[in-house]
Amino acid sequence: MNIHINQRVFDLHDAATVTEALAAFGAKLPFAVALNGQFVARGEHATKTLAAGDRLDVVSPVAGG
């Protein structure tokens, strides 16, 4: 199935989890994740399954002043 992570298409197996998608994306801590616009708590990453066409947004904090 295809999903979008930060506007890039990734091909994952059916019912892949957020954790698996983040590994395919190469996400490095720290980051926050939204699935189809809804925040996903870190404790839910391993159990939250994805469906074809889902959109993940991975956002890292930016330091500045």
N, C-alpha and C. Protein backbone atom coordinates (compact mmCIF):
# COMPACT_ATOMS: atom_id res chain seq x y z
N MET A 1 0.85 -1.18 0.00
CA MET A 1 0.00 0.00 0.00
C MET A 1 0.89 1.24 0.00
N ASN A 2 0.38 2.30 -0.56
CA ASN A 2 1.11 3.57 -0.59
C ASN A 2 0.57 4.51 0.48
N ILE A 3 1.50 5.14 1.20
CA ILE A 3 1.15 6.21 2.13
C ILE A 3 2.07 7.40 1.84
N HIS A 4 1.72 8.54 2.36
CA HIS A 4 2.53 9.74 2.19
C HIS A 4 3.15 10.13 3.52
N ILE A 5 4.45 10.35 3.52
CA ILE A 5 5.15 10.84 4.71
C ILE A 5 5.86 12.11 4.31
N ASN A 6 5.44 13.22 4.90
CA ASN A 6 5.99 14.54 4.55
C ASN A 6 5.99 14.75 3.03
N GLN A 7 4.88 14.40 2.42
CA GLN A 7 4.61 14.62 1.00
C GLN A 7 5.43 13.74 0.06
N ARG A 8 6.07 12.70 0.61
CA ARG A 8 6.76 11.70 -0.21
C ARG A 8 5.99 10.39 -0.12
N VAL A 9 5.94 9.66 -1.22
CA VAL A 9 5.20 8.40 -1.26
C VAL A 9 6.11 7.25 -0.82
N PHE A 10 5.57 6.41 0.07
CA PHE A 10 6.27 5.22 0.54
C PHE A 10 5.37 4.01 0.33
N ASP A 11 5.95 2.91 -0.12
CA ASP A 11 5.21 1.66 -0.31
C ASP A 11 5.49 0.75 0.88
N LEU A 12 4.45 0.48 1.68
CA LEU A 12 4.58 -0.36 2.87
C LEU A 12 3.62 -1.53 2.77
N HIS A 13 3.86 -2.58 3.57
CA HIS A 13 2.95 -3.72 3.57
C HIS A 13 1.61 -3.31 4.19
N ASP A 14 0.57 -4.04 3.85
CA ASP A 14 -0.76 -3.75 4.38
C ASP A 14 -0.74 -3.79 5.90
N ALA A 15 -1.44 -2.86 6.52
CA ALA A 15 -1.57 -2.73 7.97
C ALA A 15 -0.24 -2.46 8.67
N ALA A 16 0.68 -1.78 7.99
CA ALA A 16 1.93 -1.36 8.62
C ALA A 16 1.60 -0.40 9.75
N THR A 17 2.47 -0.35 10.74
CA THR A 17 2.27 0.55 11.88
C THR A 17 2.99 1.87 11.65
N VAL A 18 2.65 2.84 12.47
CA VAL A 18 3.34 4.12 12.42
C VAL A 18 4.83 3.91 12.66
N THR A 19 5.18 3.03 13.60
CA THR A 19 6.60 2.75 13.88
C THR A 19 7.31 2.27 12.62
N GLU A 20 6.70 1.36 11.88
CA GLU A 20 7.31 0.83 10.66
C GLU A 20 7.45 1.92 9.60
N ALA A 21 6.45 2.77 9.50
CA ALA A 21 6.51 3.87 8.53
C ALA A 21 7.63 4.84 8.89
N LEU A 22 7.77 5.14 10.17
CA LEU A 22 8.83 6.05 10.61
C LEU A 22 10.21 5.47 10.33
N ALA A 23 10.36 4.15 10.48
CA ALA A 23 11.63 3.50 10.17
C ALA A 23 11.92 3.60 8.67
N ALA A 24 10.92 3.38 7.83
CA ALA A 24 11.10 3.50 6.38
C ALA A 24 11.48 4.92 5.99
N PHE A 25 10.92 5.89 6.70
CA PHE A 25 11.20 7.30 6.45
C PHE A 25 12.58 7.70 6.95
N GLY A 26 13.08 7.00 7.97
CA GLY A 26 14.37 7.33 8.57
C GLY A 26 14.28 8.44 9.60
N ALA A 27 13.16 8.54 10.28
CA ALA A 27 12.95 9.59 11.28
C ALA A 27 13.94 9.47 12.42
N LYS A 28 14.46 10.60 12.86
CA LYS A 28 15.39 10.68 13.98
C LYS A 28 14.75 11.51 15.10
N LEU A 29 14.83 11.00 16.33
CA LEU A 29 14.29 11.74 17.48
C LEU A 29 15.02 13.06 17.66
N PRO A 30 14.40 14.08 18.16
CA PRO A 30 12.99 14.16 18.56
C PRO A 30 12.10 14.56 17.39
N PHE A 31 10.85 14.12 17.44
CA PHE A 31 9.88 14.49 16.43
C PHE A 31 8.47 14.27 16.98
N ALA A 32 7.52 14.88 16.32
CA ALA A 32 6.10 14.65 16.60
C ALA A 32 5.48 14.12 15.31
N VAL A 33 4.40 13.35 15.45
CA VAL A 33 3.78 12.71 14.30
C VAL A 33 2.28 13.01 14.29
N ALA A 34 1.78 13.33 13.10
CA ALA A 34 0.34 13.48 12.90
C ALA A 34 -0.08 12.51 11.80
N LEU A 35 -1.17 11.81 12.03
CA LEU A 35 -1.75 10.89 11.05
C LEU A 35 -3.03 11.51 10.54
N ASN A 36 -3.04 11.87 9.26
CA ASN A 36 -4.20 12.52 8.66
C ASN A 36 -4.65 13.74 9.47
N GLY A 37 -3.65 14.49 9.96
CA GLY A 37 -3.93 15.72 10.66
C GLY A 37 -4.17 15.58 12.15
N GLN A 38 -4.14 14.35 12.69
CA GLN A 38 -4.39 14.11 14.11
C GLN A 38 -3.10 13.64 14.79
N PHE A 39 -2.71 14.31 15.89
CA PHE A 39 -1.52 13.94 16.63
C PHE A 39 -1.58 12.48 17.07
N VAL A 40 -0.45 11.78 16.95
CA VAL A 40 -0.34 10.39 17.43
C VAL A 40 0.72 10.36 18.53
N ALA A 41 0.31 10.00 19.74
CA ALA A 41 1.23 9.94 20.87
C ALA A 41 2.28 8.86 20.63
N ARG A 42 3.48 9.09 21.12
CA ARG A 42 4.59 8.15 20.92
C ARG A 42 4.21 6.74 21.39
N GLY A 43 3.47 6.63 22.47
CA GLY A 43 3.06 5.33 22.98
C GLY A 43 2.12 4.56 22.07
N GLU A 44 1.54 5.23 21.09
CA GLU A 44 0.62 4.59 20.15
C GLU A 44 1.28 4.22 18.83
N HIS A 45 2.52 4.63 18.61
CA HIS A 45 3.18 4.40 17.31
C HIS A 45 3.23 2.92 16.93
N ALA A 46 3.49 2.04 17.90
CA ALA A 46 3.66 0.62 17.59
C ALA A 46 2.34 -0.10 17.35
N THR A 47 1.23 0.48 17.80
CA THR A 47 -0.07 -0.20 17.66
C THR A 47 -0.98 0.46 16.64
N LYS A 48 -0.69 1.69 16.25
CA LYS A 48 -1.55 2.41 15.29
C LYS A 48 -1.23 1.92 13.89
N THR A 49 -2.21 1.28 13.25
CA THR A 49 -2.00 0.76 11.90
C THR A 49 -2.42 1.78 10.86
N LEU A 50 -1.82 1.66 9.70
CA LEU A 50 -2.06 2.59 8.60
C LEU A 50 -2.89 1.93 7.51
N ALA A 51 -3.53 2.76 6.71
CA ALA A 51 -4.30 2.28 5.56
C ALA A 51 -3.79 2.98 4.31
N ALA A 52 -4.04 2.38 3.17
CA ALA A 52 -3.61 2.97 1.90
C ALA A 52 -4.11 4.41 1.80
N GLY A 53 -3.22 5.29 1.37
CA GLY A 53 -3.58 6.69 1.19
C GLY A 53 -3.42 7.56 2.43
N ASP A 54 -3.09 6.95 3.58
CA ASP A 54 -2.89 7.75 4.79
C ASP A 54 -1.75 8.73 4.60
N ARG A 55 -1.81 9.81 5.37
CA ARG A 55 -0.78 10.86 5.32
C ARG A 55 -0.18 11.04 6.71
N LEU A 56 1.14 10.85 6.80
CA LEU A 56 1.87 11.10 8.03
C LEU A 56 2.67 12.38 7.87
N ASP A 57 2.61 13.22 8.88
CA ASP A 57 3.45 14.41 8.93
C ASP A 57 4.40 14.24 10.11
N VAL A 58 5.70 14.29 9.83
CA VAL A 58 6.72 14.14 10.85
C VAL A 58 7.39 15.50 11.01
N VAL A 59 7.32 16.06 12.22
CA VAL A 59 7.80 17.41 12.47
C VAL A 59 8.85 17.38 13.57
N SER A 60 10.02 17.95 13.29
CA SER A 60 11.09 18.07 14.28
C SER A 60 11.12 19.48 14.82
N PRO A 61 11.44 19.63 16.11
CA PRO A 61 11.51 20.98 16.67
C PRO A 61 12.69 21.76 16.07
N VAL A 62 12.51 23.07 15.99
CA VAL A 62 13.55 23.95 15.47
C VAL A 62 13.93 24.93 16.56
N ALA A 63 15.21 24.98 16.88
CA ALA A 63 15.68 25.91 17.89
C ALA A 63 15.93 27.28 17.25
N GLY A 64 15.75 28.27 18.02
CA GLY A 64 16.00 29.61 17.49
C GLY A 64 15.60 30.67 18.50
N GLY A 65 15.69 31.87 18.08
CA GLY A 65 15.34 32.91 19.05
C GLY A 65 14.87 34.15 18.43
